[in-house]
Protein backbone atom coordinates (compact mmCIF):
# COMPACT_ATOMS: atom_id res chain seq x y z
CA UNK A 1 123.64 92.10 51.56
CA UNK A 2 126.31 92.34 54.22
CA UNK A 3 128.61 89.28 54.26
CA UNK A 4 128.69 87.20 57.42
CA UNK A 5 131.09 88.29 60.16
CA UNK A 6 134.46 86.56 60.20
CA UNK A 7 135.33 85.88 63.82
CA UNK A 8 135.09 88.63 66.43
CA UNK A 9 136.35 92.19 66.76
CA UNK A 10 138.78 92.57 69.69
CA UNK A 11 137.57 89.24 71.10
CA UNK A 12 134.16 90.69 71.95
CA UNK A 13 131.35 88.39 70.87
CA UNK A 14 128.35 90.15 69.36
CA UNK A 15 125.12 88.20 69.72
CA UNK A 16 121.89 88.92 67.92
CA UNK A 17 118.69 88.31 69.84
CA UNK A 18 115.92 86.79 67.72
CA UNK A 19 112.46 86.88 69.28
CA UNK A 20 109.87 84.19 68.66
CA UNK A 21 106.81 86.16 69.73
CA UNK A 22 105.00 89.03 68.04
CA UNK A 23 103.00 90.18 71.07
CA UNK A 24 104.20 93.40 72.70
CA UNK A 25 103.40 92.15 76.21
CA UNK A 26 104.88 88.71 75.63
CA UNK A 27 106.81 87.10 78.46
CA UNK A 28 109.47 85.86 76.04
CA UNK A 29 109.90 89.34 74.50
CA UNK A 30 110.38 90.75 78.00
CA UNK A 31 113.09 88.15 78.67
CA UNK A 32 114.74 88.95 75.33
CA UNK A 33 114.81 92.64 76.22
CA UNK A 34 116.40 91.83 79.58
CA UNK A 35 119.41 90.16 77.95
CA UNK A 36 121.56 93.34 77.58
CA UNK A 37 121.63 93.60 81.37
CA UNK A 38 122.71 89.98 81.77
CA UNK A 39 125.53 89.48 79.26
CA UNK A 40 129.11 89.04 80.54
CA UNK A 41 131.79 91.60 79.85
CA UNK A 42 133.07 89.78 76.77
CA UNK A 43 129.72 90.02 74.99
CA UNK A 44 127.62 92.68 73.38
CA UNK A 45 124.13 92.15 72.05
CA UNK A 46 121.54 93.70 69.81
CA UNK A 47 117.95 92.84 69.04
CA UNK A 48 117.31 91.68 65.49
CA UNK A 49 114.16 93.03 63.83
CA UNK A 50 111.10 91.22 65.13
CA UNK A 51 109.91 88.43 62.77
CA UNK A 52 106.55 90.20 62.59
CA UNK A 53 108.13 92.70 60.19
CA UNK A 54 108.49 90.00 57.53
CA UNK A 55 105.97 88.89 54.91
CA UNK A 56 105.11 85.21 54.77
CA UNK A 57 107.69 83.36 52.74
CA UNK A 58 106.52 82.95 49.17
CA UNK A 59 108.82 82.16 46.26
CA UNK A 60 106.71 84.42 44.04
CA UNK A 61 107.45 87.33 46.40
CA UNK A 62 111.16 86.54 46.33
CA UNK A 63 111.16 86.24 42.54
CA UNK A 64 109.62 89.70 42.32
CA UNK A 65 112.41 91.17 44.42
CA UNK A 66 113.72 90.79 47.96
CA UNK A 67 111.43 92.65 50.38
CA UNK A 68 113.18 95.45 52.25
CA UNK A 69 112.22 93.97 55.62
CA UNK A 70 113.84 90.66 54.69
CA UNK A 71 117.01 92.42 53.58
CA UNK A 72 117.17 94.32 56.87
CA UNK A 73 116.69 91.13 58.88
CA UNK A 74 119.30 89.23 56.87
CA UNK A 75 121.84 92.03 57.16
CA UNK A 76 121.28 92.19 60.91
CA UNK A 77 121.84 88.44 61.26
CA UNK A 78 124.94 88.61 59.08
CA UNK A 79 126.38 91.33 61.28
CA UNK A 80 126.53 89.29 64.49
CA UNK A 81 128.78 86.46 65.64
CA UNK A 82 126.03 84.31 67.20
CA UNK A 83 122.29 84.12 67.76
CA UNK A 84 120.24 83.81 70.92
CA UNK A 85 116.66 82.76 70.17
CA UNK A 86 114.15 83.62 72.89
CA UNK A 87 110.78 82.10 72.15
CA UNK A 88 107.50 80.74 73.45
CA UNK A 89 106.20 77.32 72.46
CA UNK A 90 103.12 77.24 70.24
CA UNK A 91 101.19 73.97 70.04
CA UNK A 92 104.23 71.91 71.08
CA UNK A 93 106.41 73.48 68.39
CA UNK A 94 107.90 76.60 66.76
CA UNK A 95 105.92 79.85 66.48
CA UNK A 96 105.02 80.42 62.85
CA UNK A 97 106.68 83.84 62.62
CA UNK A 98 109.99 82.44 63.89
CA UNK A 99 109.91 79.57 61.40
CA UNK A 100 109.05 82.07 58.66
CA UNK A 101 112.13 84.15 59.52
CA UNK A 102 114.35 81.07 59.27
CA UNK A 103 112.77 80.20 55.92
CA UNK A 104 113.70 83.66 54.61
CA UNK A 105 117.25 83.38 56.01
CA UNK A 106 117.65 80.08 54.19
CA UNK A 107 117.13 81.78 50.82
CA UNK A 108 119.91 84.33 51.34
CA UNK A 109 123.25 83.89 49.61
CA UNK A 110 125.36 83.59 51.63
CA UNK A 111 123.10 82.22 54.32
CA UNK A 112 123.78 84.32 57.47
CA UNK A 113 123.03 81.35 59.72
CA UNK A 114 125.58 78.89 58.36
CA UNK A 115 128.18 77.84 60.98
CA UNK A 116 126.86 80.47 63.40
CA UNK A 117 126.64 79.52 67.10
CA UNK A 118 123.11 79.59 68.49
CA UNK A 119 121.41 79.07 71.85
CA UNK A 120 117.70 78.68 72.60
CA UNK A 121 115.75 80.06 75.54
CA UNK A 122 112.10 79.06 75.85
CA UNK A 123 109.71 80.99 78.09
CA UNK A 124 106.25 79.97 79.25
CA UNK A 125 103.75 80.63 82.02
CA UNK A 126 103.24 76.85 82.17
CA UNK A 127 105.06 74.17 84.12
CA UNK A 128 107.21 72.87 81.24
CA UNK A 129 108.71 76.21 80.32
CA UNK A 130 108.21 75.69 76.59
CA UNK A 131 110.37 72.56 76.66
CA UNK A 132 108.80 71.00 73.57
CA UNK A 133 109.87 73.80 71.25
CA UNK A 134 113.54 72.89 71.66
CA UNK A 135 113.55 69.65 69.68
CA UNK A 136 111.65 70.96 66.67
CA UNK A 137 113.61 74.22 66.62
CA UNK A 138 116.93 72.39 66.81
CA UNK A 139 115.96 70.27 63.83
CA UNK A 140 115.30 73.40 61.77
CA UNK A 141 118.53 75.05 62.93
CA UNK A 142 120.51 71.92 62.04
CA UNK A 143 119.14 72.24 58.50
CA UNK A 144 120.95 75.60 58.32
CA UNK A 145 124.26 74.13 59.55
CA UNK A 146 124.16 76.17 62.73
CA UNK A 147 126.34 75.30 65.73
CA UNK A 148 123.79 74.60 68.48
CA UNK A 149 124.64 74.87 72.17
CA UNK A 150 122.51 71.99 73.41
CA UNK A 151 123.22 72.17 77.16
CA UNK A 152 122.39 73.49 79.61
CA UNK A 153 118.86 73.94 78.31
CA UNK A 154 117.01 77.11 79.25
CA UNK A 155 113.30 76.63 79.90
CA UNK A 156 111.79 79.40 82.00
CA UNK A 157 108.67 77.89 83.53
CA UNK A 158 106.11 79.84 85.56
CA UNK A 159 107.45 82.96 83.89
CA UNK A 160 104.70 85.25 85.14
CA UNK A 161 106.23 85.00 88.59
CA UNK A 162 109.80 85.53 87.35
CA UNK A 163 109.55 88.28 84.75
CA UNK A 164 108.37 91.90 84.88
CA UNK A 165 106.93 92.46 81.41
CA UNK A 166 106.62 96.24 81.77
CA UNK A 167 110.17 96.69 82.99
CA UNK A 168 111.60 93.93 80.75
CA UNK A 169 113.51 92.52 83.69
CA UNK A 170 114.03 89.22 85.50
CA UNK A 171 112.58 89.46 89.00
CA UNK A 172 113.52 86.00 90.31
CA UNK A 173 117.12 85.99 91.63
CA UNK A 174 117.68 82.29 90.91
CA UNK A 175 116.44 82.69 87.33
CA UNK A 176 118.64 85.75 86.81
CA UNK A 177 121.68 83.90 88.13
CA UNK A 178 120.96 80.90 85.91
CA UNK A 179 120.62 83.08 82.81
CA UNK A 180 123.83 84.95 83.59
CA UNK A 181 125.64 81.64 83.96
CA UNK A 182 124.18 80.36 80.70
CA UNK A 183 125.35 83.46 78.84
CA UNK A 184 128.84 83.02 80.28
CA UNK A 185 128.85 79.43 79.02
CA UNK A 186 127.51 80.59 75.66
CA UNK A 187 130.35 83.10 75.45
CA UNK A 188 132.87 80.27 75.82
CA UNK A 189 130.95 78.13 73.33
CA UNK A 190 130.95 80.96 70.78
CA UNK A 191 134.61 81.74 71.28
CA UNK A 192 135.56 78.12 70.60
CA UNK A 193 133.36 77.88 67.49
CA UNK A 194 134.47 81.22 66.07
CA UNK A 195 138.13 80.26 66.55
CA UNK A 196 137.51 77.09 64.52
CA UNK A 197 136.15 79.07 61.57
CA UNK A 198 139.00 81.55 61.35
């Protein structure tokens, strides 16, 4: 596997976008795909493989040999400076496929998540914007020694009126401005954390 990145190349922060939904027409996947058009000049981004490509974590499967899809996902995570997780909320908590991806990451040596900056965006058609996924997801990310940007929180409520799923774009100007500002703050957060690990 590719070793984790050490700092940043030419001060450009490379973020990996990890999706929490498997559905092609998902609101959160549309938001995730809009990110390349929102990042500030000092950032680049790439989508990690969707968690739906992974088998369910099973120690017997791992003992038989690392699945190729898991290796590809782990290498992709190791090749970025930070993670942006864009996810819905399922039953007040983490979508199973997203948790499964983190379980696979945790078995890698070295773990590509350790000390990596991470931010969470939740997306929902409901009024709370997926707010309840944040606490449970942060707990899991803390278990991997990730550096979590806790504030400002991003909870996109009423997303059907703010996101064009087909075009993978943000249609609400206030939401777009807020996300751009959050990414600028995340850039500064990542720069500070990466400098500490050099």
